[in-house]
Every structure is written in C-alpha cells, then in structure tokens.
Protein backbone atom coordinates (compact mmCIF):
# COMPACT_ATOMS: atom_id res chain seq x y z
CA MET A 1 63.35 -28.74 -23.87
CA THR A 2 64.33 -26.63 -20.90
CA PHE A 3 62.99 -27.32 -17.35
CA THR A 4 62.69 -25.10 -14.37
CA TYR A 5 62.42 -27.00 -10.78
CA SER A 6 60.63 -25.61 -7.62
CA LYS A 7 60.30 -27.49 -4.19
CA GLY A 8 56.69 -28.00 -3.25
CA VAL A 9 55.59 -28.66 0.62
CA CYS A 10 52.22 -28.80 2.06
CA LYS A 11 51.20 -30.06 5.36
CA LEU A 12 48.34 -32.79 5.96
CA ASN A 13 45.31 -32.20 7.74
CA SER A 14 46.06 -35.06 10.02
CA PRO A 15 48.99 -37.77 9.97
CA ILE A 16 48.53 -40.63 7.32
CA THR A 17 50.44 -44.04 7.80
CA ILE A 18 51.81 -45.50 4.35
CA GLY A 19 53.47 -48.97 5.22
CA SER A 20 55.91 -48.00 7.77
CA GLU A 21 55.80 -44.23 7.37
CA VAL A 22 53.84 -41.90 9.28
CA ILE A 23 53.60 -38.71 7.28
CA ASN A 24 52.85 -35.42 8.33
CA GLU A 25 53.49 -33.31 4.93
CA ARG A 26 53.81 -33.87 1.40
CA HIS A 27 56.90 -33.07 -0.23
CA TRP A 28 57.42 -32.64 -4.00
CA ILE A 29 59.42 -30.83 -6.74
CA GLU A 30 57.67 -29.09 -9.55
CA VAL A 31 58.98 -29.45 -12.98
CA SER A 32 57.96 -26.61 -15.53
CA ASN A 33 58.57 -26.15 -19.13
CA GLY A 34 57.12 -22.74 -19.14
CA VAL A 35 53.67 -23.97 -20.14
CA LEU A 36 53.00 -27.16 -18.26
CA LYS A 37 53.81 -28.10 -14.55
CA VAL A 38 54.25 -31.78 -13.36
CA ASP A 39 55.10 -33.01 -10.13
CA LEU A 40 57.79 -35.48 -9.50
CA ALA A 41 56.14 -36.69 -6.23
CA PRO A 42 57.16 -40.38 -4.99
CA LEU A 43 55.27 -41.00 -1.87
CA PRO A 44 57.16 -42.45 1.25
CA GLY A 45 56.07 -45.66 2.34
CA LEU A 46 54.68 -46.75 -1.31
CA HIS A 47 57.59 -45.64 -3.83
CA ILE A 48 61.04 -47.47 -3.63
CA GLU A 49 62.64 -43.96 -4.92
CA SER A 50 63.09 -41.09 -2.62
CA LEU A 51 62.45 -37.50 -4.08
CA GLU A 52 66.11 -36.84 -4.36
CA GLU A 53 66.44 -39.92 -6.56
CA SER A 54 63.48 -39.33 -8.57
CA LEU A 55 64.77 -35.85 -9.57
CA LYS A 56 68.22 -37.62 -10.44
CA ASP A 57 66.66 -39.89 -12.51
CA PHE A 58 64.59 -37.34 -14.50
CA LYS A 59 67.79 -35.02 -15.31
CA SER A 60 69.57 -38.06 -16.23
CA GLN A 61 66.95 -38.86 -18.89
CA LYS A 62 66.77 -42.49 -17.72
CA PHE A 63 63.35 -42.65 -16.23
CA LEU A 64 63.85 -45.85 -14.61
CA THR A 65 61.35 -44.60 -11.58
CA PRO A 66 57.60 -44.60 -11.95
CA SER A 67 57.80 -40.91 -10.46
CA ALA A 68 59.97 -39.47 -13.37
CA LEU A 69 58.42 -41.58 -16.13
CA PHE A 70 55.19 -39.89 -15.28
CA VAL A 71 56.56 -36.50 -15.50
CA LYS A 72 58.40 -37.21 -18.57
CA GLU A 73 55.37 -38.89 -20.28
CA CYS A 74 53.18 -35.80 -19.27
CA PHE A 75 55.52 -33.27 -21.34
CA ASP A 76 55.77 -36.04 -24.31
CA ILE A 77 51.91 -36.16 -24.45
CA PHE A 78 50.17 -33.16 -23.29
CA THR A 79 50.62 -29.47 -24.71
CA SER A 80 47.86 -27.98 -22.26
CA ILE A 81 46.15 -29.32 -19.17
CA MET A 82 42.14 -28.85 -19.14
CA SER A 83 40.71 -28.20 -15.68
CA VAL A 84 38.06 -31.15 -15.41
CA GLU A 85 35.86 -32.20 -12.80
CA VAL A 86 35.22 -35.73 -12.24
CA ASP A 87 33.44 -37.80 -9.88
CA SER A 88 35.50 -39.85 -7.06
CA ASN A 89 35.18 -42.26 -4.57
CA SER A 90 35.70 -41.20 -1.09
CA LEU A 91 37.71 -42.54 1.58
CA GLN A 92 35.91 -44.34 4.77
CA PHE A 93 37.72 -46.11 7.58
CA ILE A 94 36.96 -48.97 10.17
CA ASP A 95 36.98 -47.62 13.56
CA LEU A 96 36.12 -50.57 16.05
CA GLU A 97 35.87 -47.91 18.73
CA GLN A 98 32.82 -46.67 16.81
CA ASN A 99 29.26 -47.39 16.17
CA PRO A 100 29.21 -49.08 12.69
CA SER A 101 25.42 -48.35 12.05
CA SER A 102 25.90 -44.60 13.05
CA ILE A 103 28.82 -44.30 10.75
CA ALA A 104 27.05 -45.85 7.71
CA SER A 105 23.68 -43.75 8.25
CA SER A 106 25.70 -40.90 8.42
CA LEU A 107 27.31 -41.13 4.65
CA GLU A 108 25.60 -39.81 1.35
CA GLU A 109 23.19 -41.75 -0.75
CA ASN A 110 24.44 -42.85 -4.31
CA GLN A 111 28.14 -42.21 -3.17
CA ILE A 112 31.04 -44.70 -3.85
CA TYR A 113 33.25 -45.21 -0.63
CA LYS A 114 36.59 -47.09 -0.63
CA ILE A 115 37.50 -48.86 2.97
CA LYS A 116 40.93 -50.71 3.84
CA ILE A 117 40.09 -53.85 5.40
CA GLY A 118 42.32 -56.31 7.17
CA ARG A 119 44.11 -54.15 9.51
CA ASN A 120 42.41 -55.28 12.63
CA ASP A 121 41.36 -58.43 14.31
CA LEU A 122 39.45 -60.19 11.31
CA TYR A 123 36.82 -61.56 13.35
CA LYS A 124 35.81 -58.11 15.15
CA GLU A 125 36.47 -56.24 11.74
CA SER A 126 34.20 -58.87 9.89
CA SER A 127 31.41 -58.18 12.45
CA TRP A 128 31.69 -54.52 12.35
CA LEU A 129 31.86 -54.23 8.66
CA LYS A 130 28.55 -56.70 8.35
CA ASP A 131 26.61 -54.28 10.68
CA PHE A 132 28.04 -51.09 8.78
CA ILE A 133 26.80 -52.54 5.34
CA LYS A 134 23.42 -53.31 6.68
CA ASN A 135 22.93 -49.92 7.74
CA LEU A 136 24.28 -48.26 4.13
CA PRO A 137 22.22 -45.34 2.49
CA LYS A 138 20.24 -46.26 -0.53
CA ASN A 139 22.59 -47.18 -3.81
CA THR A 140 25.65 -46.61 -2.16
CA GLN A 141 28.50 -48.92 -3.01
CA LEU A 142 31.76 -50.07 -1.55
CA ARG A 143 35.58 -50.68 -2.88
CA LEU A 144 37.26 -52.78 -0.07
CA ASP A 145 40.91 -52.34 -0.33
CA GLY A 146 42.56 -55.55 1.50
CA ASN A 147 46.18 -54.84 0.53
CA ARG A 148 47.18 -58.60 0.07
CA ASN A 149 46.36 -59.10 3.92
CA PHE A 150 44.26 -62.48 3.43
CA THR A 151 44.51 -66.04 2.33
CA ALA A 152 41.98 -67.71 0.52
CA ALA A 153 40.84 -69.26 3.92
CA THR A 154 40.72 -65.98 6.11
CA LEU A 155 39.25 -64.22 3.52
CA ASN A 156 36.38 -66.96 3.12
CA SER A 157 35.89 -66.83 6.82
CA TYR A 158 35.72 -62.80 6.70
CA LEU A 159 33.01 -62.80 3.90
CA ASP A 160 31.00 -65.62 5.48
CA LEU A 161 27.34 -64.22 5.82
CA MET A 162 28.25 -60.92 4.53
CA ASP A 163 25.94 -58.90 2.42
CA LEU A 164 28.15 -58.76 -0.68
CA GLU A 165 25.54 -56.62 -2.98
CA LYS A 166 26.75 -53.36 -2.33
CA ILE A 167 30.57 -54.43 -2.89
CA GLN A 168 31.67 -53.16 -6.18
CA TYR A 169 35.04 -54.91 -5.90
CA LEU A 170 37.74 -56.45 -3.77
CA GLU A 171 40.77 -54.70 -4.49
CA GLU A 172 44.06 -57.18 -4.12
CA PRO A 173 42.61 -58.95 -1.04
CA LEU A 174 45.04 -62.09 -1.33
CA LYS A 175 48.60 -62.49 -0.80
CA ASP A 176 48.61 -64.91 -3.77
CA VAL A 177 46.22 -63.34 -6.32
CA MET A 178 45.92 -66.79 -8.19
CA SER A 179 44.03 -68.21 -5.10
CA TRP A 180 41.24 -66.28 -5.97
CA THR A 181 39.60 -69.08 -7.41
CA GLU A 182 39.56 -70.78 -4.07
CA LEU A 183 37.03 -68.01 -2.96
CA GLU A 184 33.77 -69.81 -2.14
CA ARG A 185 31.90 -66.67 -2.94
CA ARG A 186 33.90 -65.45 -5.94
CA ASP A 187 30.90 -65.71 -8.38
CA GLU A 188 29.42 -62.85 -6.15
CA LEU A 189 32.63 -60.79 -6.18
CA SER A 190 34.76 -58.55 -8.78
CA LEU A 191 38.43 -58.52 -8.18
CA ALA A 192 40.37 -55.22 -8.83
CA LEU A 193 44.13 -55.45 -9.69
CA ASP A 194 46.58 -52.74 -7.84
CA GLU A 195 49.89 -54.39 -6.96
CA ASN A 196 49.47 -57.29 -9.53
CA ILE A 197 48.42 -55.09 -12.48
CA ALA A 198 51.47 -55.69 -14.51
CA LEU A 199 49.57 -59.33 -14.70
CA ARG A 200 46.56 -58.02 -15.93
CA ARG A 201 46.57 -59.87 -19.41
CA SER A 202 47.06 -63.16 -17.77
CA LEU A 203 44.43 -62.71 -14.91
CA ASP A 204 41.66 -62.79 -16.89
CA PHE A 205 39.27 -63.17 -13.71
CA ALA A 206 39.80 -59.38 -12.82
CA LYS A 207 37.33 -57.03 -13.81
CA TYR A 208 38.88 -53.91 -12.67
CA LEU A 209 42.34 -52.31 -12.96
CA VAL A 210 43.25 -49.66 -10.31
CA ALA A 211 45.42 -47.39 -12.30
CA LYS A 212 47.89 -45.24 -10.44
CA PRO A 213 49.83 -43.67 -13.25
CA THR A 214 52.66 -42.15 -10.91
CA PHE A 215 53.09 -45.23 -9.25
CA ASN A 216 52.19 -48.77 -10.89
CA ILE A 217 51.34 -48.36 -14.57
CA SER A 218 52.80 -45.99 -17.16
CA LEU A 219 50.75 -42.98 -18.05
CA ARG A 220 50.91 -44.31 -21.58
CA GLU A 221 49.54 -47.87 -20.62
CA THR A 222 46.70 -46.34 -18.63
CA LEU A 223 45.82 -44.34 -21.59
CA ARG A 224 45.86 -47.56 -23.86
CA GLU A 225 43.66 -49.48 -21.04
CA LEU A 226 41.21 -46.85 -21.30
CA ALA A 227 40.91 -47.22 -25.07
CA LEU A 228 41.06 -50.99 -25.06
CA GLU A 229 38.34 -51.50 -22.61
CA ASN A 230 39.57 -55.01 -21.83
CA GLN A 231 38.73 -54.23 -18.20
CA GLU A 232 37.18 -51.24 -16.13
CA VAL A 233 39.81 -48.72 -15.42
CA ILE A 234 39.79 -46.93 -11.92
CA VAL A 235 42.03 -43.96 -12.44
CA SER A 236 43.79 -43.53 -8.85
CA ASN A 237 46.71 -41.66 -7.49
CA ALA A 238 49.37 -41.72 -4.64
CA PHE A 239 48.53 -38.93 -2.49
CA ASP A 240 49.86 -36.83 -5.39
CA PRO A 241 49.90 -32.94 -5.05
CA PRO A 242 47.59 -30.56 -7.09
CA ASN A 243 49.39 -30.44 -10.32
CA ASN A 244 49.41 -34.13 -10.71
CA ILE A 245 45.82 -34.43 -9.44
CA ASN A 246 44.49 -32.00 -12.37
CA ILE A 247 46.35 -34.20 -15.09
CA LEU A 248 44.74 -37.41 -13.48
CA LYS A 249 41.24 -36.07 -13.63
CA MET A 250 41.85 -35.25 -17.03
CA ILE A 251 42.78 -38.46 -17.92
CA ALA A 252 39.99 -40.13 -15.76
CA SER A 253 37.43 -38.31 -17.82
CA GLU A 254 38.16 -40.16 -20.67
CA GLY A 255 36.87 -43.22 -18.78
CA ASP A 256 33.00 -44.03 -17.72
CA GLN A 257 33.99 -45.42 -13.80
CA VAL A 258 34.20 -43.14 -10.66
CA CYS A 259 38.09 -42.51 -9.97
CA GLY A 260 39.78 -42.14 -7.00
CA LEU A 261 41.09 -38.96 -6.87
CA ASP A 262 39.37 -37.45 -3.72
CA THR A 263 42.77 -36.95 -1.71
CA LEU A 264 43.49 -33.13 -1.93
CA LYS A 265 40.88 -32.94 0.84
CA TYR A 266 43.66 -34.46 3.17
CA PHE A 267 45.92 -31.74 2.29
CA ASN A 268 45.98 -28.28 4.18
CA LEU A 269 46.17 -26.29 1.07
CA ASP A 270 46.64 -23.08 2.98
CA SER A 271 49.85 -24.33 4.05
CA LEU A 272 51.03 -25.20 0.50
CA LYS A 273 54.50 -23.56 -0.47
CA VAL A 274 56.14 -23.54 -4.02
CA SER A 275 59.52 -21.95 -3.90
CA PRO A 276 62.68 -22.17 -6.27
CA LEU A 277 64.81 -25.25 -6.03
C-alpha cells in the first residue's frame, strides 16, 4: 500500500495543559492511501513518542507506538469512513474563584459532564464540588477524573458527605488502583479504568473502560471490548485532530455509552492548515 504524508497544524482556542506541557497548537501528520485519511497525532505530555518518532515507527512498519499502531489498524480494518454524530460528554472545570452554584445552574439538563478532580487544595475543592453537585440541573451526570491523584484515605475524606447519586463513575482516582476496596463508599460508586486499562480482566470491580484507541488500547482491542460487553466502554481521545475524531465517532456508534469526543470545540478550526510534508 502506498501512502502520502501531509503536515497538519491547528491553533487551539486557548492553551491546554497536559502533564507538564502547555499546548497552544495541535500538530499532526496526515497519512492517506488515496481513500482514507488518518492522523499520526501523539499528544505532548501524554504520549511517550514524539511526532517525528511516530512517523518513523509507521514508516518502519514496526508499529511499536500507539499513535502509529492506530493508523496502521485503521487502514487494515476500514475501507471507508462514515460521518456519524454521537452523544458526547462535555468538559467542565473546577474554578475555586467562581461560584459553584452559579456554574452548575448554567449547565444543560440531561447532559453528562467530565470534570478533572484533585488538582487543587483537596478540602477547598471538595467543598466547591459539593455545592456544585447540589445545584446541578435535572438528570445531569458527572464523570470525575482523578488522574491517580488520591490515596484511599484522601479520597475517603474528599467524598465524605458528598451526594454521589449524580456521579456516573470515578475515573482512575487512586494512586494504587487496588486500594479501591478500601473506599468507605465504594458500594455507591463505579470505577472507570484509563491508565490501568491493560488490567481490565483482573480488575473485575471496574465497571467502565475509558478506551482511547490512539493511546491506551489498540483499535482492535477496543472493537473487541465493544463486542464482548464485559465492561461498559467509553470511547475517548487524546485531543485528536478531525480525521481521527471522525473515525472514533464511527467506532463509538457501535456502543451504547455516551463517548468522550467533544474536544474539537477547543480547536480554532478556521486556522487549520494541511500541507505536503
């Protein structure tokens, strides 16, 4: 199969912080076989490989990096890409300087919001979140992403007296995932795996999988998990560019869970440029 390569770049509407990286522009390499277009798009601060290393890996046909493996598997599996619209959670942020009641009351009913937790003073953040939850609109659910910021003890304290009814799941909140059994309110909560998704068979207490086929699980394995239905699969992404988002939406349409693919709104798509490499 013969491929052509183009360089893609798009400004973001505002900077995002991934790990220790502050990103103002998204860069990728578009790979085309004349029919399909798929993007090599490792995300700085998340992926180990750089964009240059991803391209080298793809051209060498070793496919040792998740970004290159995703592109390879797309060409192996798909002959066309359908344009599909799917329901997606929206990102919401904790801002201790803002009134949580006002922010909560401004949100839409019947929506799912994903919130990063554990990034501020835990006592202040927990208090803020409790007030936020009390004022959420009807039938609104939250996905709380802890990015392994908590111990069992700090999470127990954080969740104390919090209304958990509107929390769909906690995504990888613990430094040690096995300490989930030490949570005092674990029977009221569901766990979603992200960083530890490779352990999904042994962690039978995890109800959800946050599958990022361009990063933490292969495309083939994602499709297999969707078919097996052992655990609920949330198809998500790594701030991927438009070609990959279209593919991921098509994959997400195979499942029945609201996905995590609402990230293109952070791209200034009017600035998007693709040019020959």
